[in-house]
C-alpha atoms as a PDB file:
ATOM      1  CA  MET A   1      14.416 -31.627  18.357  1.00  0.00           C
ATOM      2  CA  VAL A   2      16.084 -28.405  17.250  1.00  0.00           C
ATOM      3  CA  SER A   3      13.895 -26.131  15.155  1.00  0.00           C
ATOM      4  CA  ASP A   4      15.391 -24.876  11.916  1.00  0.00           C
ATOM      5  CA  LYS A   5      12.836 -22.089  11.584  1.00  0.00           C
ATOM      6  CA  LYS A   6      13.771 -18.449  11.366  1.00  0.00           C
ATOM      7  CA  GLN A   7      11.537 -15.373  11.306  1.00  0.00           C
ATOM      8  CA  TYR A   8      11.518 -13.070   8.307  1.00  0.00           C
ATOM      9  CA  ILE A   9       9.759  -9.839   7.472  1.00  0.00           C
ATOM     10  CA  ILE A  10       8.057 -10.272   4.091  1.00  0.00           C
ATOM     11  CA  PHE A  11       7.612  -7.198   1.899  1.00  0.00           C
ATOM     12  CA  ARG A  12       6.678  -6.413  -1.668  1.00  0.00           C
ATOM     13  CA  ILE A  13       8.514  -4.584  -4.418  1.00  0.00           C
ATOM     14  CA  ASP A  14       6.388  -4.341  -7.554  1.00  0.00           C
ATOM     15  CA  LYS A  15       4.802  -7.795  -7.957  1.00  0.00           C
ATOM     16  CA  ASP A  16       7.547  -9.713  -6.151  1.00  0.00           C
ATOM     17  CA  GLU A  17       7.920 -10.731  -2.517  1.00  0.00           C
ATOM     18  CA  TYR A  18      11.157 -10.414  -0.582  1.00  0.00           C
ATOM     19  CA  GLY A  19      12.195 -11.380   2.905  1.00  0.00           C
ATOM     20  CA  ALA A  20      14.783 -10.220   5.409  1.00  0.00           C
ATOM     21  CA  ASP A  21      15.792 -11.567   8.809  1.00  0.00           C
ATOM     22  CA  ILE A  22      13.430  -9.936  11.322  1.00  0.00           C
ATOM     23  CA  GLY A  23      16.290  -9.871  13.851  1.00  0.00           C
ATOM     24  CA  ASN A  24      17.868  -7.013  11.879  1.00  0.00           C
ATOM     25  CA  VAL A  25      14.682  -4.900  11.786  1.00  0.00           C
ATOM     26  CA  THR A  26      14.288  -2.197  14.422  1.00  0.00           C
ATOM     27  CA  VAL A  27      11.087  -0.502  13.218  1.00  0.00           C
ATOM     28  CA  ILE A  28       8.743  -0.185  10.253  1.00  0.00           C
ATOM     29  CA  GLU A  29       7.632   3.388   9.497  1.00  0.00           C
ATOM     30  CA  ARG A  30       5.069   4.920   7.211  1.00  0.00           C
ATOM     31  CA  PHE A  31       6.686   6.872   4.389  1.00  0.00           C
ATOM     32  CA  ILE A  32       8.008  10.213   5.638  1.00  0.00           C
ATOM     33  CA  ASN A  33       9.791  13.117   3.969  1.00  0.00           C
ATOM     34  CA  ILE A  34      13.328  12.280   2.834  1.00  0.00           C
ATOM     35  CA  THR A  35      16.039  14.924   2.519  1.00  0.00           C
ATOM     36  CA  ARG A  36      18.116  14.351  -0.627  1.00  0.00           C
ATOM     37  CA  VAL A  37      21.901  14.240  -0.233  1.00  0.00           C
ATOM     38  CA  PRO A  38      23.771  15.617  -3.281  1.00  0.00           C
ATOM     39  CA  GLU A  39      26.111  13.452  -5.341  1.00  0.00           C
ATOM     40  CA  THR A  40      24.897  10.074  -4.087  1.00  0.00           C
ATOM     41  CA  PRO A  41      23.775   7.139  -6.229  1.00  0.00           C
ATOM     42  CA  GLN A  42      20.185   7.386  -7.482  1.00  0.00           C
ATOM     43  CA  TYR A  43      19.044   4.495  -5.273  1.00  0.00           C
ATOM     44  CA  LEU A  44      20.169   6.393  -2.138  1.00  0.00           C
ATOM     45  CA  LYS A  45      17.179   8.649  -1.699  1.00  0.00           C
ATOM     46  CA  GLY A  46      18.680  10.677   1.145  1.00  0.00           C
ATOM     47  CA  VAL A  47      18.266  10.773   4.907  1.00  0.00           C
ATOM     48  CA  ILE A  48      15.413  10.923   7.400  1.00  0.00           C
ATOM     49  CA  ASN A  49      15.283  12.282  10.932  1.00  0.00           C
ATOM     50  CA  LEU A  50      13.772   9.464  12.963  1.00  0.00           C
ATOM     51  CA  ARG A  51      13.335  10.405  16.598  1.00  0.00           C
ATOM     52  CA  GLY A  52      16.538  12.429  16.544  1.00  0.00           C
ATOM     53  CA  ASP A  53      18.628   9.927  14.574  1.00  0.00           C
ATOM     54  CA  ILE A  54      19.723  10.716  11.009  1.00  0.00           C
ATOM     55  CA  ILE A  55      19.247   7.560   8.953  1.00  0.00           C
ATOM     56  CA  PRO A  56      20.217   7.024   5.290  1.00  0.00           C
ATOM     57  CA  VAL A  57      17.420   5.609   3.111  1.00  0.00           C
ATOM     58  CA  MET A  58      17.692   3.393   0.031  1.00  0.00           C
ATOM     59  CA  ASP A  59      14.901   2.837  -2.516  1.00  0.00           C
ATOM     60  CA  LEU A  60      14.841  -0.888  -3.292  1.00  0.00           C
ATOM     61  CA  ARG A  61      12.850  -0.312  -6.501  1.00  0.00           C
ATOM     62  CA  VAL A  62      15.704   1.774  -7.905  1.00  0.00           C
ATOM     63  CA  ARG A  63      18.367  -0.569  -6.470  1.00  0.00           C
ATOM     64  CA  PHE A  64      16.665  -3.523  -8.180  1.00  0.00           C
ATOM     65  CA  GLY A  65      16.282  -1.680 -11.501  1.00  0.00           C
ATOM     66  CA  ILE A  66      12.496  -1.370 -11.235  1.00  0.00           C
ATOM     67  CA  GLN A  67      10.762   1.847 -12.277  1.00  0.00           C
ATOM     68  CA  GLU A  68      10.156   4.254  -9.404  1.00  0.00           C
ATOM     69  CA  LYS A  69       6.649   5.008  -8.237  1.00  0.00           C
ATOM     70  CA  GLU A  70       5.119   7.659  -6.048  1.00  0.00           C
ATOM     71  CA  PRO A  71       4.742   6.602  -2.408  1.00  0.00           C
ATOM     72  CA  ASP A  72       1.187   5.672  -1.393  1.00  0.00           C
ATOM     73  CA  GLU A  73      -0.543   4.663   1.835  1.00  0.00           C
ATOM     74  CA  ASP A  74       1.073   1.177   1.687  1.00  0.00           C
ATOM     75  CA  THR A  75       4.651   2.432   1.168  1.00  0.00           C
ATOM     76  CA  ARG A  76       6.884   1.765   4.162  1.00  0.00           C
ATOM     77  CA  ILE A  77      10.423   2.470   5.260  1.00  0.00           C
ATOM     78  CA  VAL A  78      11.889  -0.578   6.995  1.00  0.00           C
ATOM     79  CA  ILE A  79      14.683   0.422   9.376  1.00  0.00           C
ATOM     80  CA  PHE A  80      17.453  -2.148   9.720  1.00  0.00           C
ATOM     81  CA  ASP A  81      20.305  -2.164  12.227  1.00  0.00           C
ATOM     82  CA  ILE A  82      23.431  -4.034  11.182  1.00  0.00           C
ATOM     83  CA  ASN A  83      26.459  -3.869  13.473  1.00  0.00           C
ATOM     84  CA  LYS A  84      25.063  -0.729  15.161  1.00  0.00           C
ATOM     85  CA  ILE A  85      24.566   1.024  11.807  1.00  0.00           C
ATOM     86  CA  SER A  86      20.959   1.949  11.038  1.00  0.00           C
ATOM     87  CA  PHE A  87      19.591   2.421   7.537  1.00  0.00           C
ATOM     88  CA  GLY A  88      16.180   2.442   5.922  1.00  0.00           C
ATOM     89  CA  VAL A  89      14.838   0.811   2.805  1.00  0.00           C
ATOM     90  CA  ILE A  90      11.725   1.943   0.967  1.00  0.00           C
ATOM     91  CA  VAL A  91       9.389  -0.936   0.096  1.00  0.00           C
ATOM     92  CA  ASP A  92       6.001  -0.912  -1.660  1.00  0.00           C
ATOM     93  CA  SER A  93       4.324  -2.646   1.291  1.00  0.00           C
ATOM     94  CA  VAL A  94       5.008  -4.922   4.229  1.00  0.00           C
ATOM     95  CA  ALA A  95       3.017  -8.147   4.004  1.00  0.00           C
ATOM     96  CA  GLU A  96       3.742 -10.116   7.167  1.00  0.00           C
ATOM     97  CA  VAL A  97       6.234 -11.688   9.518  1.00  0.00           C
ATOM     98  CA  MET A  98       6.700 -15.359   8.695  1.00  0.00           C
ATOM     99  CA  GLN A  99       8.651 -18.316  10.015  1.00  0.00           C
ATOM    100  CA  LEU A 100      10.526 -20.117   7.268  1.00  0.00           C
ATOM    101  CA  GLU A 101      12.208 -23.487   7.544  1.00  0.00           C
ATOM    102  CA  GLU A 102      15.897 -22.986   6.845  1.00  0.00           C
ATOM    103  CA  SER A 103      16.024 -26.414   5.189  1.00  0.00           C
ATOM    104  CA  LYS A 104      13.580 -25.157   2.526  1.00  0.00           C
ATOM    105  CA  VAL A 105      15.517 -21.966   1.794  1.00  0.00           C
ATOM    106  CA  GLU A 106      17.778 -22.471  -1.232  1.00  0.00           C
ATOM    107  CA  SER A 107      20.855 -20.441  -2.158  1.00  0.00           C
ATOM    108  CA  VAL A 108      20.691 -18.348  -5.322  1.00  0.00           C
ATOM    109  CA  ALA A 109      24.459 -18.433  -5.826  1.00  0.00           C
ATOM    110  CA  GLU A 110      24.150 -20.977  -8.642  1.00  0.00           C
ATOM    111  CA  ILE A 111      21.530 -18.896 -10.465  1.00  0.00           C
ATOM    112  CA  MET A 112      22.943 -15.430  -9.790  1.00  0.00           C
ATOM    113  CA  ALA A 113      26.599 -15.573 -10.773  1.00  0.00           C
ATOM    114  CA  ASP A 114      26.570 -11.783 -11.256  1.00  0.00           C
ATOM    115  CA  SER A 115      28.226 -10.155  -8.222  1.00  0.00           C
ATOM    116  CA  ASN A 116      25.971  -7.112  -8.688  1.00  0.00           C
ATOM    117  CA  HIS A 117      23.164  -9.277  -7.320  1.00  0.00           C
ATOM    118  CA  ASP A 118      24.950 -10.801  -4.327  1.00  0.00           C
ATOM    119  CA  TYR A 119      22.593  -8.917  -2.003  1.00  0.00           C
ATOM    120  CA  LEU A 120      20.046 -11.596  -2.978  1.00  0.00           C
ATOM    121  CA  SER A 121      21.031 -14.534  -0.808  1.00  0.00           C
ATOM    122  CA  SER A 122      18.387 -17.219  -1.186  1.00  0.00           C
ATOM    123  CA  VAL A 123      14.895 -18.117  -2.308  1.00  0.00           C
ATOM    124  CA  THR A 124      12.088 -20.194  -0.854  1.00  0.00           C
ATOM    125  CA  LYS A 125       8.731 -21.448  -2.123  1.00  0.00           C
ATOM    126  CA  ILE A 126       5.624 -21.435   0.046  1.00  0.00           C
ATOM    127  CA  ASP A 127       2.618 -22.917  -1.739  1.00  0.00           C
ATOM    128  CA  SER A 128       2.505 -20.879  -4.980  1.00  0.00           C
ATOM    129  CA  ARG A 129       4.557 -17.975  -3.574  1.00  0.00           C
ATOM    130  CA  ILE A 130       8.252 -17.437  -4.252  1.00  0.00           C
ATOM    131  CA  ILE A 131      10.066 -15.291  -1.690  1.00  0.00           C
ATOM    132  CA  THR A 132      13.569 -13.977  -2.351  1.00  0.00           C
ATOM    133  CA  ILE A 133      15.651 -13.468   0.795  1.00  0.00           C
ATOM    134  CA  ILE A 134      17.802 -10.346   0.857  1.00  0.00           C
ATOM    135  CA  ASN A 135      21.274 -10.156   2.379  1.00  0.00           C
ATOM    136  CA  VAL A 136      20.848  -6.873   4.274  1.00  0.00           C
ATOM    137  CA  GLU A 137      24.486  -6.915   5.409  1.00  0.00           C
ATOM    138  CA  LYS A 138      25.550  -6.730   1.755  1.00  0.00           C
ATOM    139  CA  LEU A 139      23.014  -3.983   1.050  1.00  0.00           C
ATOM    140  CA  ILE A 140      24.409  -1.818   3.835  1.00  0.00           C
ATOM    141  CA  SER A 141      28.021  -2.500   2.887  1.00  0.00           C
ATOM    142  CA  ASP A 142      27.230  -1.389  -0.690  1.00  0.00           C
ATOM    143  CA  MET A 143      25.505   1.720   0.651  1.00  0.00           C
ATOM    144  CA  MET A 144      28.431   2.630   2.905  1.00  0.00           C
ATOM    145  CA  VAL A 145      30.900   2.236   0.010  1.00  0.00           C
ATOM    146  CA  SER A 146      28.741   4.511  -2.147  1.00  0.00           C
END
């Protein structure tokens, strides 16, 4: 029997939980100093020097229209690698790595007709938790266009 499970990193932004395919994650870092790059969108916080690599960093709170907050001991920068392009996203905290059954993950296309939200790909319910799955490929393509 073929398993339809896939692993996701689960993280929090404000009171909500989000997931992303763990296969695209290279490392999870504690919050470090970010160098601002002039004339970039507000959600692009700047770049970090991570072991000699310069990596652009996006604040998901700002990208999702949620009020910014000061980083604390739980704040993390999740580094993704999509098609050999690395980028970081600031999240409030990383909760866990979880296997989700693909058959229980539902598309949000019917709910989110707004193309500004097409980086949200699907949603799943686990007990009383709702986890929104992020399309990291779309996030990085938006960032590269900006």
